[in-house]
Every structure is written in structure tokens, then in C-alpha cells.
Amino acid sequence: PSVPPPPAAMRGGAASSALTASSDEMFYAGVVKPMRPGWKIFVDCDAIKSAFGGRDAWFEQRQKPAGVEAGSLVVFTLMPTNSPNFAPKAKFVAALSPLGPEVAGV
């Protein structure tokens, strides 16, 4: 089966070029937690919780990709200045396609 093209927001332009990622960075995957308008958006990710004392990663409302809502899968990178004593801020955030049963281990 063919893979659908990425949404227009991910193909370039002002919105996607503001915070970019490089192939040299570690990419994490997680699930967006329930959101409150005007607040940070938190992402549940086991690898991040393990490295940051049980804290979730977060990103700003302006970084939220189109169509992402609570329960959405996202992929993200971290700011290089994050401290292990605080919840880490995501630098780049993008929607992640649902995992198939082969990947999800179902």
C-alpha cells in the first residue's frame, strides 16, 4: 500500500520551519495527555519518565501540530538545555501515524 503524503503543515512553510529537527537528534514517541487551554501540553513517554525522574515531556500550545489532540501519538525531540531536575521541554513535535500491530506488539 502507498503511504499518504504528509499534511500541508508538515511539508514546509513558516509553521514547520520555526522549530526543526535534525537526523542527528534522538526522536522520542509518546501519547499526548489531556490538555487545558493556555497550558503546556504534556506527552506520556516511558523513556522520558525514566530519564527525568518520572516527569513528562511538554511543549507549548503554539508547537501543537494540526489535528493533534489528547490521545494522539507524537514524535518529538528535546531542547539541548533540559535539566534532569525539571520536566523536559520538547523542541520539535510532529504527529505520528498509528502503529501497526507488528510494531505495537499486538
N, C-alpha and C. Protein backbone atom coordinates (compact mmCIF):
# COMPACT_ATOMS: atom_id res chain seq x y z
N PRO A 1 0.83 -1.19 0.00
CA PRO A 1 0.00 0.00 0.00
C PRO A 1 0.87 1.25 0.00
N SER A 2 0.37 2.27 -0.63
CA SER A 2 1.13 3.52 -0.69
C SER A 2 0.92 4.31 0.59
N VAL A 3 1.90 5.13 0.90
CA VAL A 3 1.86 5.97 2.10
C VAL A 3 1.29 7.32 1.70
N PRO A 4 0.29 7.84 2.43
CA PRO A 4 -0.26 9.14 2.08
C PRO A 4 0.77 10.24 2.29
N PRO A 5 0.67 11.32 1.52
CA PRO A 5 1.62 12.42 1.70
C PRO A 5 1.40 13.07 3.06
N PRO A 6 2.44 13.72 3.60
CA PRO A 6 2.27 14.39 4.89
C PRO A 6 1.32 15.56 4.76
N PRO A 7 0.66 15.95 5.87
CA PRO A 7 -0.21 17.11 5.83
C PRO A 7 0.56 18.35 5.37
N ALA A 8 -0.16 19.29 4.80
CA ALA A 8 0.47 20.51 4.26
C ALA A 8 1.32 21.21 5.31
N ALA A 9 0.88 21.18 6.57
CA ALA A 9 1.63 21.86 7.62
C ALA A 9 3.00 21.24 7.84
N MET A 10 3.21 19.98 7.41
CA MET A 10 4.48 19.32 7.64
C MET A 10 5.40 19.39 6.41
N ARG A 11 4.92 19.95 5.31
CA ARG A 11 5.71 19.99 4.09
C ARG A 11 6.59 21.21 3.97
N GLY A 12 6.59 22.07 4.94
CA GLY A 12 7.41 23.27 4.85
C GLY A 12 6.57 24.49 5.18
N GLY A 13 7.17 25.65 5.07
CA GLY A 13 6.45 26.87 5.36
C GLY A 13 6.78 27.38 6.75
N ALA A 14 6.21 28.50 7.09
CA ALA A 14 6.56 29.18 8.34
C ALA A 14 6.29 28.34 9.57
N ALA A 15 5.14 27.67 9.62
CA ALA A 15 4.79 26.92 10.83
C ALA A 15 5.76 25.79 11.10
N SER A 16 6.17 25.06 10.06
CA SER A 16 7.02 23.90 10.30
C SER A 16 8.50 24.23 10.40
N SER A 17 8.91 25.38 9.88
CA SER A 17 10.34 25.68 9.90
C SER A 17 10.79 26.38 11.18
N ALA A 18 9.84 26.80 12.03
CA ALA A 18 10.19 27.52 13.24
C ALA A 18 11.04 26.67 14.18
N LEU A 19 10.66 25.43 14.40
CA LEU A 19 11.38 24.53 15.28
C LEU A 19 11.62 23.24 14.52
N THR A 20 12.81 23.07 14.01
CA THR A 20 13.10 21.91 13.18
C THR A 20 13.96 20.90 13.93
N ALA A 21 14.07 19.73 13.36
CA ALA A 21 14.88 18.66 13.95
C ALA A 21 15.91 18.20 12.93
N SER A 22 16.93 17.55 13.42
CA SER A 22 17.99 17.01 12.58
C SER A 22 18.04 15.50 12.76
N SER A 23 18.54 14.82 11.75
CA SER A 23 18.64 13.36 11.84
C SER A 23 19.66 12.91 12.89
N ASP A 24 20.45 13.82 13.40
CA ASP A 24 21.43 13.50 14.44
C ASP A 24 20.82 13.50 15.84
N GLU A 25 19.58 13.98 15.97
CA GLU A 25 18.94 14.05 17.27
C GLU A 25 18.21 12.76 17.60
N MET A 26 18.00 12.51 18.89
CA MET A 26 17.19 11.38 19.34
C MET A 26 15.73 11.78 19.21
N PHE A 27 14.93 10.92 18.59
CA PHE A 27 13.49 11.15 18.47
C PHE A 27 12.78 10.23 19.45
N TYR A 28 11.83 10.79 20.18
CA TYR A 28 11.04 10.05 21.15
C TYR A 28 9.60 9.97 20.64
N ALA A 29 8.88 8.93 21.02
CA ALA A 29 7.47 8.81 20.67
C ALA A 29 6.67 8.76 21.97
N GLY A 30 5.49 9.39 21.94
CA GLY A 30 4.65 9.39 23.12
C GLY A 30 3.21 9.69 22.79
N VAL A 31 2.39 9.72 23.82
CA VAL A 31 0.96 9.97 23.69
C VAL A 31 0.64 11.29 24.39
N VAL A 32 -0.09 12.16 23.70
CA VAL A 32 -0.47 13.45 24.25
C VAL A 32 -1.49 13.24 25.37
N LYS A 33 -1.22 13.86 26.50
CA LYS A 33 -2.12 13.77 27.65
C LYS A 33 -3.26 14.79 27.50
N PRO A 34 -4.34 14.64 28.28
CA PRO A 34 -5.43 15.62 28.21
C PRO A 34 -4.90 17.04 28.36
N MET A 35 -5.45 17.96 27.55
CA MET A 35 -4.95 19.34 27.51
C MET A 35 -5.90 20.31 28.20
N ARG A 36 -5.31 21.38 28.71
CA ARG A 36 -6.08 22.50 29.24
C ARG A 36 -5.70 23.72 28.41
N PRO A 37 -6.67 24.45 27.89
CA PRO A 37 -6.36 25.62 27.06
C PRO A 37 -5.44 26.60 27.78
N GLY A 38 -4.42 27.06 27.07
CA GLY A 38 -3.49 28.03 27.63
C GLY A 38 -2.37 27.43 28.46
N TRP A 39 -2.36 26.11 28.64
CA TRP A 39 -1.34 25.46 29.45
C TRP A 39 -0.36 24.70 28.57
N LYS A 40 0.67 24.26 29.17
CA LYS A 40 1.62 23.38 28.48
C LYS A 40 0.89 22.10 28.09
N ILE A 41 1.35 21.48 27.02
CA ILE A 41 0.79 20.20 26.59
C ILE A 41 1.81 19.13 26.97
N PHE A 42 1.39 18.14 27.72
CA PHE A 42 2.29 17.10 28.20
C PHE A 42 2.18 15.84 27.36
N VAL A 43 3.32 15.13 27.27
CA VAL A 43 3.40 13.90 26.48
C VAL A 43 3.87 12.77 27.39
N ASP A 44 3.13 11.68 27.40
CA ASP A 44 3.48 10.49 28.18
C ASP A 44 4.45 9.66 27.36
N CYS A 45 5.66 9.46 27.87
CA CYS A 45 6.71 8.70 27.18
C CYS A 45 7.57 8.01 28.23
N ASP A 46 7.61 6.68 28.22
CA ASP A 46 8.36 5.92 29.23
C ASP A 46 9.84 6.28 29.26
N ALA A 47 10.47 6.45 28.10
CA ALA A 47 11.90 6.78 28.05
C ALA A 47 12.18 8.12 28.72
N ILE A 48 11.30 9.08 28.52
CA ILE A 48 11.48 10.40 29.14
C ILE A 48 11.26 10.30 30.65
N LYS A 49 10.22 9.60 31.07
CA LYS A 49 9.97 9.45 32.51
C LYS A 49 11.15 8.79 33.20
N SER A 50 11.74 7.82 32.56
CA SER A 50 12.89 7.12 33.13
C SER A 50 14.10 8.05 33.27
N ALA A 51 14.32 8.89 32.28
CA ALA A 51 15.49 9.78 32.29
C ALA A 51 15.29 11.04 33.12
N PHE A 52 14.03 11.42 33.37
CA PHE A 52 13.76 12.69 34.05
C PHE A 52 12.94 12.50 35.33
N GLY A 53 13.23 11.46 36.07
CA GLY A 53 12.64 11.28 37.38
C GLY A 53 11.13 11.20 37.40
N GLY A 54 10.53 10.54 36.41
CA GLY A 54 9.09 10.38 36.37
C GLY A 54 8.32 11.53 35.76
N ARG A 55 9.05 12.56 35.27
CA ARG A 55 8.38 13.72 34.68
C ARG A 55 8.07 13.49 33.21
N ASP A 56 6.97 14.11 32.75
CA ASP A 56 6.58 14.05 31.34
C ASP A 56 7.25 15.16 30.56
N ALA A 57 7.47 14.92 29.27
CA ALA A 57 7.92 15.98 28.37
C ALA A 57 6.74 16.91 28.11
N TRP A 58 7.02 18.14 27.69
CA TRP A 58 5.95 19.08 27.40
C TRP A 58 6.34 19.95 26.22
N PHE A 59 5.31 20.54 25.60
CA PHE A 59 5.54 21.52 24.55
C PHE A 59 4.48 22.61 24.65
N GLU A 60 4.75 23.73 24.00
CA GLU A 60 3.86 24.88 24.06
C GLU A 60 2.69 24.74 23.09
N GLN A 61 1.59 25.42 23.40
CA GLN A 61 0.41 25.38 22.54
C GLN A 61 0.75 25.74 21.10
N ARG A 62 1.65 26.71 20.90
CA ARG A 62 1.98 27.16 19.54
C ARG A 62 2.73 26.08 18.75
N GLN A 63 3.28 25.08 19.43
CA GLN A 63 4.00 23.99 18.78
C GLN A 63 3.08 22.83 18.39
N LYS A 64 1.82 22.88 18.81
CA LYS A 64 0.91 21.75 18.59
C LYS A 64 0.62 21.58 17.10
N PRO A 65 0.96 20.41 16.55
CA PRO A 65 0.66 20.15 15.14
C PRO A 65 -0.85 20.09 14.91
N ALA A 66 -1.27 20.47 13.72
CA ALA A 66 -2.68 20.42 13.36
C ALA A 66 -3.21 19.00 13.55
N GLY A 67 -4.38 18.88 14.11
CA GLY A 67 -5.02 17.59 14.30
C GLY A 67 -4.59 16.82 15.53
N VAL A 68 -3.58 17.30 16.23
CA VAL A 68 -3.12 16.60 17.44
C VAL A 68 -4.03 16.98 18.60
N GLU A 69 -4.48 15.96 19.32
CA GLU A 69 -5.35 16.15 20.47
C GLU A 69 -4.97 15.12 21.53
N ALA A 70 -5.63 15.17 22.66
CA ALA A 70 -5.36 14.20 23.73
C ALA A 70 -5.51 12.79 23.16
N GLY A 71 -4.53 11.94 23.43
CA GLY A 71 -4.53 10.57 22.94
C GLY A 71 -3.78 10.38 21.63
N SER A 72 -3.41 11.49 20.97
CA SER A 72 -2.67 11.39 19.71
C SER A 72 -1.25 10.92 19.95
N LEU A 73 -0.73 10.16 18.99
CA LEU A 73 0.68 9.78 19.01
C LEU A 73 1.49 10.91 18.40
N VAL A 74 2.61 11.24 19.05
CA VAL A 74 3.51 12.26 18.51
C VAL A 74 4.95 11.76 18.59
N VAL A 75 5.79 12.35 17.77
CA VAL A 75 7.22 12.13 17.83
C VAL A 75 7.82 13.49 18.17
N PHE A 76 8.88 13.49 18.98
CA PHE A 76 9.45 14.77 19.41
C PHE A 76 10.93 14.64 19.73
N THR A 77 11.60 15.78 19.72
CA THR A 77 12.98 15.87 20.16
C THR A 77 13.00 16.79 21.38
N LEU A 78 14.10 16.81 22.10
CA LEU A 78 14.21 17.64 23.30
C LEU A 78 15.13 18.82 23.10
N MET A 79 14.87 19.87 23.85
CA MET A 79 15.76 21.02 23.89
C MET A 79 17.09 20.55 24.49
N PRO A 80 18.22 21.02 23.96
CA PRO A 80 19.51 20.57 24.50
C PRO A 80 19.80 21.11 25.90
N THR A 81 19.05 22.10 26.34
CA THR A 81 19.30 22.73 27.64
C THR A 81 18.44 22.16 28.77
N ASN A 82 17.72 21.07 28.54
CA ASN A 82 16.87 20.50 29.58
C ASN A 82 17.71 20.00 30.76
N SER A 83 17.18 20.23 31.95
CA SER A 83 17.83 19.77 33.18
C SER A 83 17.11 18.51 33.67
N PRO A 84 17.85 17.52 34.18
CA PRO A 84 17.21 16.31 34.70
C PRO A 84 16.34 16.58 35.93
N ASN A 85 16.42 17.79 36.49
CA ASN A 85 15.63 18.15 37.67
C ASN A 85 14.26 18.74 37.35
N PHE A 86 13.96 18.92 36.06
CA PHE A 86 12.71 19.53 35.65
C PHE A 86 12.09 18.75 34.50
N ALA A 87 10.79 18.94 34.27
CA ALA A 87 10.13 18.31 33.13
C ALA A 87 10.77 18.85 31.85
N PRO A 88 11.19 17.97 30.95
CA PRO A 88 11.90 18.41 29.75
C PRO A 88 10.97 19.02 28.69
N LYS A 89 11.45 20.09 28.07
CA LYS A 89 10.69 20.76 27.01
C LYS A 89 11.06 20.15 25.67
N ALA A 90 10.04 19.89 24.86
CA ALA A 90 10.26 19.40 23.50
C ALA A 90 10.66 20.56 22.61
N LYS A 91 11.57 20.28 21.68
CA LYS A 91 11.99 21.28 20.71
C LYS A 91 11.17 21.15 19.43
N PHE A 92 11.05 19.94 18.92
CA PHE A 92 10.33 19.65 17.68
C PHE A 92 9.23 18.65 18.01
N VAL A 93 8.03 18.87 17.49
CA VAL A 93 6.90 17.96 17.73
C VAL A 93 6.18 17.75 16.40
N ALA A 94 5.85 16.49 16.10
CA ALA A 94 5.08 16.17 14.89
C ALA A 94 4.12 15.04 15.20
N ALA A 95 3.01 15.01 14.46
CA ALA A 95 2.06 13.91 14.59
C ALA A 95 2.72 12.63 14.11
N LEU A 96 2.38 11.52 14.71
CA LEU A 96 2.93 10.22 14.35
C LEU A 96 1.79 9.33 13.88
N SER A 97 1.99 8.65 12.77
CA SER A 97 0.99 7.74 12.24
C SER A 97 0.76 6.62 13.26
N PRO A 98 -0.48 6.13 13.35
CA PRO A 98 -0.73 5.00 14.26
C PRO A 98 0.18 3.81 13.93
N LEU A 99 0.60 3.12 14.98
CA LEU A 99 1.47 1.96 14.81
C LEU A 99 0.65 0.75 14.39
N GLY A 100 1.18 -0.04 13.50
CA GLY A 100 0.50 -1.26 13.10
C GLY A 100 0.69 -2.33 14.15
N PRO A 101 -0.05 -3.44 14.06
CA PRO A 101 0.04 -4.48 15.08
C PRO A 101 1.43 -5.12 15.16
N GLU A 102 2.17 -5.15 14.03
CA GLU A 102 3.52 -5.72 14.05
C GLU A 102 4.46 -4.90 14.92
N VAL A 103 4.32 -3.58 14.86
CA VAL A 103 5.18 -2.68 15.63
C VAL A 103 4.71 -2.58 17.06
N ALA A 104 3.41 -2.50 17.25
CA ALA A 104 2.85 -2.31 18.59
C ALA A 104 2.91 -3.58 19.43
N GLY A 105 3.22 -4.72 18.81
CA GLY A 105 3.33 -5.97 19.56
C GLY A 105 1.99 -6.57 19.95
N VAL A 106 0.97 -6.25 19.19
CA VAL A 106 -0.38 -6.77 19.49
C VAL A 106 -0.54 -8.15 18.94
